[in-house]
Amino acid sequence: MKEKIKNQIRVKLYQETIDKIKILAAERGVSPSDLFQEACNNYLDSKQLLSNVEAAEYLGISRVTLWRKVQAGDIPTVDIGGLVRYDKRQLDKIIESGK
């Protein structure tokens, strides 16, 4: 019974969030998907260390290409407790150099 109530609460919160996004998008005169994309871009702009997926997206390349460039020594990584991250400042330098 508790699980059923938890699921009902989750569904209600999810629907309220969607409704708020639709209202905010309408106020700004954009589609909800454009609003979501803007939020994602703002999030990436505020982050200093990026994941594999975020770094590949930031560079406009596939994750496979990112991995190949890392293996070739073209893109430096930051290792944090076994997690591989990419310093956005280093990626910006790569973008500026055109490599």
N, C-alpha and C. Protein backbone atom coordinates (compact mmCIF):
# COMPACT_ATOMS: atom_id res chain seq x y z
N MET A 1 0.82 -1.20 0.00
CA MET A 1 0.00 0.00 0.00
C MET A 1 0.87 1.26 0.00
N LYS A 2 1.95 1.25 0.78
CA LYS A 2 2.83 2.42 0.83
C LYS A 2 3.42 2.71 -0.54
N GLU A 3 3.81 1.66 -1.25
CA GLU A 3 4.41 1.83 -2.57
C GLU A 3 3.41 2.45 -3.55
N LYS A 4 2.15 2.06 -3.45
CA LYS A 4 1.12 2.62 -4.32
C LYS A 4 0.97 4.12 -4.06
N ILE A 5 0.98 4.52 -2.80
CA ILE A 5 0.86 5.94 -2.45
C ILE A 5 2.08 6.70 -2.94
N LYS A 6 3.28 6.12 -2.77
CA LYS A 6 4.50 6.77 -3.25
C LYS A 6 4.44 6.99 -4.76
N ASN A 7 3.96 5.99 -5.48
CA ASN A 7 3.85 6.11 -6.94
C ASN A 7 2.84 7.19 -7.32
N GLN A 8 1.73 7.28 -6.60
CA GLN A 8 0.73 8.31 -6.87
C GLN A 8 1.32 9.71 -6.65
N ILE A 9 2.11 9.84 -5.59
CA ILE A 9 2.76 11.13 -5.30
C ILE A 9 3.75 11.46 -6.40
N ARG A 10 4.54 10.49 -6.84
CA ARG A 10 5.51 10.71 -7.92
C ARG A 10 4.82 11.18 -9.20
N VAL A 11 3.73 10.52 -9.55
CA VAL A 11 2.99 10.88 -10.76
C VAL A 11 2.44 12.29 -10.64
N LYS A 12 1.91 12.63 -9.47
CA LYS A 12 1.37 13.99 -9.26
C LYS A 12 2.48 15.04 -9.36
N LEU A 13 3.63 14.79 -8.75
CA LEU A 13 4.75 15.73 -8.83
C LEU A 13 5.26 15.86 -10.26
N TYR A 14 5.34 14.74 -10.95
CA TYR A 14 5.79 14.74 -12.35
C TYR A 14 4.85 15.59 -13.19
N GLN A 15 3.55 15.40 -13.03
CA GLN A 15 2.57 16.15 -13.81
C GLN A 15 2.63 17.64 -13.47
N GLU A 16 2.80 17.96 -12.19
CA GLU A 16 2.91 19.37 -11.80
C GLU A 16 4.15 20.01 -12.42
N THR A 17 5.25 19.27 -12.47
CA THR A 17 6.48 19.78 -13.08
C THR A 17 6.28 20.03 -14.56
N ILE A 18 5.66 19.10 -15.25
CA ILE A 18 5.38 19.27 -16.68
C ILE A 18 4.48 20.48 -16.91
N ASP A 19 3.48 20.64 -16.08
CA ASP A 19 2.57 21.79 -16.22
C ASP A 19 3.33 23.10 -16.03
N LYS A 20 4.23 23.16 -15.04
CA LYS A 20 5.03 24.36 -14.81
C LYS A 20 5.94 24.66 -15.99
N ILE A 21 6.53 23.62 -16.57
CA ILE A 21 7.40 23.79 -17.75
C ILE A 21 6.59 24.35 -18.91
N LYS A 22 5.40 23.83 -19.12
CA LYS A 22 4.55 24.31 -20.21
C LYS A 22 4.18 25.78 -20.01
N ILE A 23 3.87 26.14 -18.78
CA ILE A 23 3.51 27.54 -18.49
C ILE A 23 4.71 28.45 -18.73
N LEU A 24 5.86 28.06 -18.21
CA LEU A 24 7.07 28.87 -18.38
C LEU A 24 7.44 29.00 -19.86
N ALA A 25 7.32 27.91 -20.61
CA ALA A 25 7.63 27.95 -22.04
C ALA A 25 6.67 28.90 -22.76
N ALA A 26 5.39 28.83 -22.41
CA ALA A 26 4.40 29.71 -23.04
C ALA A 26 4.70 31.17 -22.70
N GLU A 27 5.10 31.45 -21.46
CA GLU A 27 5.43 32.82 -21.06
C GLU A 27 6.63 33.35 -21.86
N ARG A 28 7.56 32.48 -22.17
CA ARG A 28 8.75 32.90 -22.91
C ARG A 28 8.55 32.83 -24.42
N GLY A 29 7.45 32.24 -24.84
CA GLY A 29 7.16 32.14 -26.26
C GLY A 29 8.02 31.10 -26.98
N VAL A 30 8.39 30.04 -26.26
CA VAL A 30 9.18 28.96 -26.84
C VAL A 30 8.49 27.64 -26.57
N SER A 31 8.94 26.61 -27.25
CA SER A 31 8.37 25.29 -27.01
C SER A 31 8.99 24.69 -25.74
N PRO A 32 8.30 23.76 -25.10
CA PRO A 32 8.88 23.10 -23.92
C PRO A 32 10.21 22.42 -24.22
N SER A 33 10.36 21.85 -25.42
CA SER A 33 11.63 21.19 -25.75
C SER A 33 12.76 22.22 -25.90
N ASP A 34 12.45 23.40 -26.45
CA ASP A 34 13.46 24.47 -26.54
C ASP A 34 13.86 24.95 -25.15
N LEU A 35 12.89 25.04 -24.26
CA LEU A 35 13.17 25.45 -22.90
C LEU A 35 14.07 24.43 -22.21
N PHE A 36 13.78 23.16 -22.43
CA PHE A 36 14.60 22.08 -21.86
C PHE A 36 16.02 22.15 -22.42
N GLN A 37 16.17 22.36 -23.72
CA GLN A 37 17.50 22.45 -24.33
C GLN A 37 18.27 23.63 -23.76
N GLU A 38 17.60 24.75 -23.56
CA GLU A 38 18.25 25.93 -22.97
C GLU A 38 18.74 25.61 -21.55
N ALA A 39 17.92 24.91 -20.78
CA ALA A 39 18.30 24.54 -19.41
C ALA A 39 19.52 23.61 -19.43
N CYS A 40 19.55 22.68 -20.37
CA CYS A 40 20.69 21.77 -20.49
C CYS A 40 21.96 22.54 -20.86
N ASN A 41 21.83 23.47 -21.78
CA ASN A 41 22.99 24.27 -22.19
C ASN A 41 23.50 25.12 -21.03
N ASN A 42 22.59 25.72 -20.27
CA ASN A 42 22.99 26.52 -19.12
C ASN A 42 23.69 25.66 -18.09
N TYR A 43 23.20 24.44 -17.91
CA TYR A 43 23.82 23.52 -16.97
C TYR A 43 25.24 23.19 -17.41
N LEU A 44 25.42 22.90 -18.68
CA LEU A 44 26.75 22.58 -19.19
C LEU A 44 27.68 23.79 -19.08
N ASP A 45 27.14 24.98 -19.33
CA ASP A 45 27.96 26.19 -19.23
C ASP A 45 28.47 26.41 -17.82
N SER A 46 27.69 25.99 -16.82
CA SER A 46 28.08 26.23 -15.43
C SER A 46 29.02 25.16 -14.88
N LYS A 47 29.15 24.04 -15.56
CA LYS A 47 29.99 22.94 -15.07
C LYS A 47 31.43 23.12 -15.54
N GLN A 48 32.37 22.73 -14.68
CA GLN A 48 33.78 22.80 -15.04
C GLN A 48 34.31 21.43 -15.50
N LEU A 49 33.85 20.36 -14.84
CA LEU A 49 34.26 19.01 -15.21
C LEU A 49 33.09 18.29 -15.85
N LEU A 50 33.31 17.75 -17.04
CA LEU A 50 32.25 17.11 -17.80
C LEU A 50 32.44 15.61 -17.87
N SER A 51 31.34 14.88 -17.96
CA SER A 51 31.38 13.43 -18.16
C SER A 51 31.71 13.12 -19.62
N ASN A 52 31.85 11.84 -19.94
CA ASN A 52 32.11 11.42 -21.33
C ASN A 52 31.02 11.93 -22.27
N VAL A 53 29.79 11.72 -21.88
CA VAL A 53 28.65 12.12 -22.72
C VAL A 53 28.63 13.63 -22.89
N GLU A 54 28.81 14.36 -21.78
CA GLU A 54 28.78 15.82 -21.84
C GLU A 54 29.94 16.38 -22.66
N ALA A 55 31.14 15.79 -22.48
CA ALA A 55 32.31 16.26 -23.23
C ALA A 55 32.14 16.02 -24.73
N ALA A 56 31.64 14.85 -25.09
CA ALA A 56 31.42 14.55 -26.51
C ALA A 56 30.40 15.52 -27.10
N GLU A 57 29.33 15.77 -26.37
CA GLU A 57 28.31 16.72 -26.84
C GLU A 57 28.89 18.12 -26.94
N TYR A 58 29.67 18.51 -25.96
CA TYR A 58 30.28 19.84 -25.94
C TYR A 58 31.19 20.05 -27.14
N LEU A 59 31.93 19.00 -27.50
CA LEU A 59 32.84 19.07 -28.64
C LEU A 59 32.14 18.81 -29.98
N GLY A 60 30.93 18.29 -29.92
CA GLY A 60 30.19 17.99 -31.15
C GLY A 60 30.70 16.75 -31.86
N ILE A 61 31.18 15.78 -31.06
CA ILE A 61 31.69 14.53 -31.61
C ILE A 61 31.01 13.36 -30.91
N SER A 62 31.15 12.18 -31.46
CA SER A 62 30.57 11.00 -30.82
C SER A 62 31.43 10.57 -29.64
N ARG A 63 30.86 9.73 -28.78
CA ARG A 63 31.63 9.22 -27.64
C ARG A 63 32.78 8.34 -28.11
N VAL A 64 32.58 7.64 -29.21
CA VAL A 64 33.65 6.79 -29.76
C VAL A 64 34.81 7.66 -30.23
N THR A 65 34.50 8.74 -30.93
CA THR A 65 35.55 9.65 -31.39
C THR A 65 36.26 10.28 -30.20
N LEU A 66 35.51 10.65 -29.16
CA LEU A 66 36.12 11.20 -27.95
C LEU A 66 37.10 10.18 -27.37
N TRP A 67 36.66 8.94 -27.23
CA TRP A 67 37.51 7.89 -26.68
C TRP A 67 38.78 7.72 -27.52
N ARG A 68 38.63 7.72 -28.83
CA ARG A 68 39.80 7.57 -29.72
C ARG A 68 40.79 8.73 -29.53
N LYS A 69 40.25 9.94 -29.41
CA LYS A 69 41.12 11.11 -29.22
C LYS A 69 41.81 11.07 -27.86
N VAL A 70 41.14 10.54 -26.85
CA VAL A 70 41.76 10.38 -25.53
C VAL A 70 42.88 9.35 -25.63
N GLN A 71 42.62 8.22 -26.29
CA GLN A 71 43.63 7.18 -26.45
C GLN A 71 44.85 7.67 -27.22
N ALA A 72 44.61 8.58 -28.17
CA ALA A 72 45.70 9.13 -28.98
C ALA A 72 46.46 10.24 -28.24
N GLY A 73 45.95 10.64 -27.07
CA GLY A 73 46.60 11.70 -26.30
C GLY A 73 46.21 13.10 -26.75
N ASP A 74 45.18 13.21 -27.59
CA ASP A 74 44.76 14.52 -28.09
C ASP A 74 43.86 15.27 -27.10
N ILE A 75 43.20 14.53 -26.22
CA ILE A 75 42.30 15.14 -25.24
C ILE A 75 42.69 14.65 -23.85
N PRO A 76 43.04 15.59 -22.96
CA PRO A 76 43.43 15.19 -21.60
C PRO A 76 42.20 14.87 -20.74
N THR A 77 42.40 14.01 -19.76
CA THR A 77 41.33 13.65 -18.83
C THR A 77 41.73 14.01 -17.41
N VAL A 78 40.73 14.05 -16.56
CA VAL A 78 40.93 14.24 -15.13
C VAL A 78 40.34 13.01 -14.45
N ASP A 79 41.15 12.29 -13.70
CA ASP A 79 40.68 11.10 -13.00
C ASP A 79 40.34 11.47 -11.56
N ILE A 80 39.10 11.20 -11.17
CA ILE A 80 38.64 11.50 -9.82
C ILE A 80 38.05 10.23 -9.24
N GLY A 81 38.80 9.60 -8.37
CA GLY A 81 38.30 8.39 -7.71
C GLY A 81 37.81 7.33 -8.66
N GLY A 82 38.52 7.12 -9.74
CA GLY A 82 38.13 6.11 -10.72
C GLY A 82 37.18 6.62 -11.80
N LEU A 83 36.71 7.85 -11.67
CA LEU A 83 35.83 8.44 -12.68
C LEU A 83 36.65 9.30 -13.63
N VAL A 84 36.37 9.19 -14.90
CA VAL A 84 37.05 10.02 -15.90
C VAL A 84 36.20 11.24 -16.18
N ARG A 85 36.80 12.40 -16.07
CA ARG A 85 36.12 13.65 -16.37
C ARG A 85 37.00 14.47 -17.31
N TYR A 86 36.40 15.50 -17.90
CA TYR A 86 37.09 16.35 -18.86
C TYR A 86 36.96 17.79 -18.39
N ASP A 87 38.08 18.48 -18.28
CA ASP A 87 38.10 19.87 -17.85
C ASP A 87 37.64 20.74 -19.02
N LYS A 88 36.58 21.48 -18.78
CA LYS A 88 36.00 22.28 -19.86
C LYS A 88 36.99 23.32 -20.39
N ARG A 89 37.86 23.83 -19.54
CA ARG A 89 38.86 24.81 -20.00
C ARG A 89 39.80 24.17 -21.02
N GLN A 90 40.18 22.91 -20.78
CA GLN A 90 41.04 22.21 -21.73
C GLN A 90 40.30 21.95 -23.05
N LEU A 91 39.03 21.61 -22.94
CA LEU A 91 38.23 21.39 -24.15
C LEU A 91 38.09 22.69 -24.94
N ASP A 92 37.93 23.81 -24.23
CA ASP A 92 37.85 25.10 -24.91
C ASP A 92 39.13 25.41 -25.67
N LYS A 93 40.26 25.06 -25.08
CA LYS A 93 41.56 25.27 -25.77
C LYS A 93 41.63 24.41 -27.03
N ILE A 94 41.13 23.19 -26.95
CA ILE A 94 41.12 22.30 -28.13
C ILE A 94 40.23 22.89 -29.21
N ILE A 95 39.07 23.40 -28.82
CA ILE A 95 38.16 24.01 -29.79
C ILE A 95 38.81 25.23 -30.44
N GLU A 96 39.45 26.07 -29.62
CA GLU A 96 40.10 27.27 -30.15
C GLU A 96 41.24 26.95 -31.10
N SER A 97 41.95 25.85 -30.82
CA SER A 97 43.08 25.48 -31.69
C SER A 97 42.61 24.82 -32.98
N GLY A 98 41.35 24.39 -33.01
CA GLY A 98 40.80 23.78 -34.22
C GLY A 98 41.20 22.33 -34.42
N LYS A 99 41.70 21.68 -33.39
CA LYS A 99 42.12 20.26 -33.53
C LYS A 99 40.96 19.35 -33.40
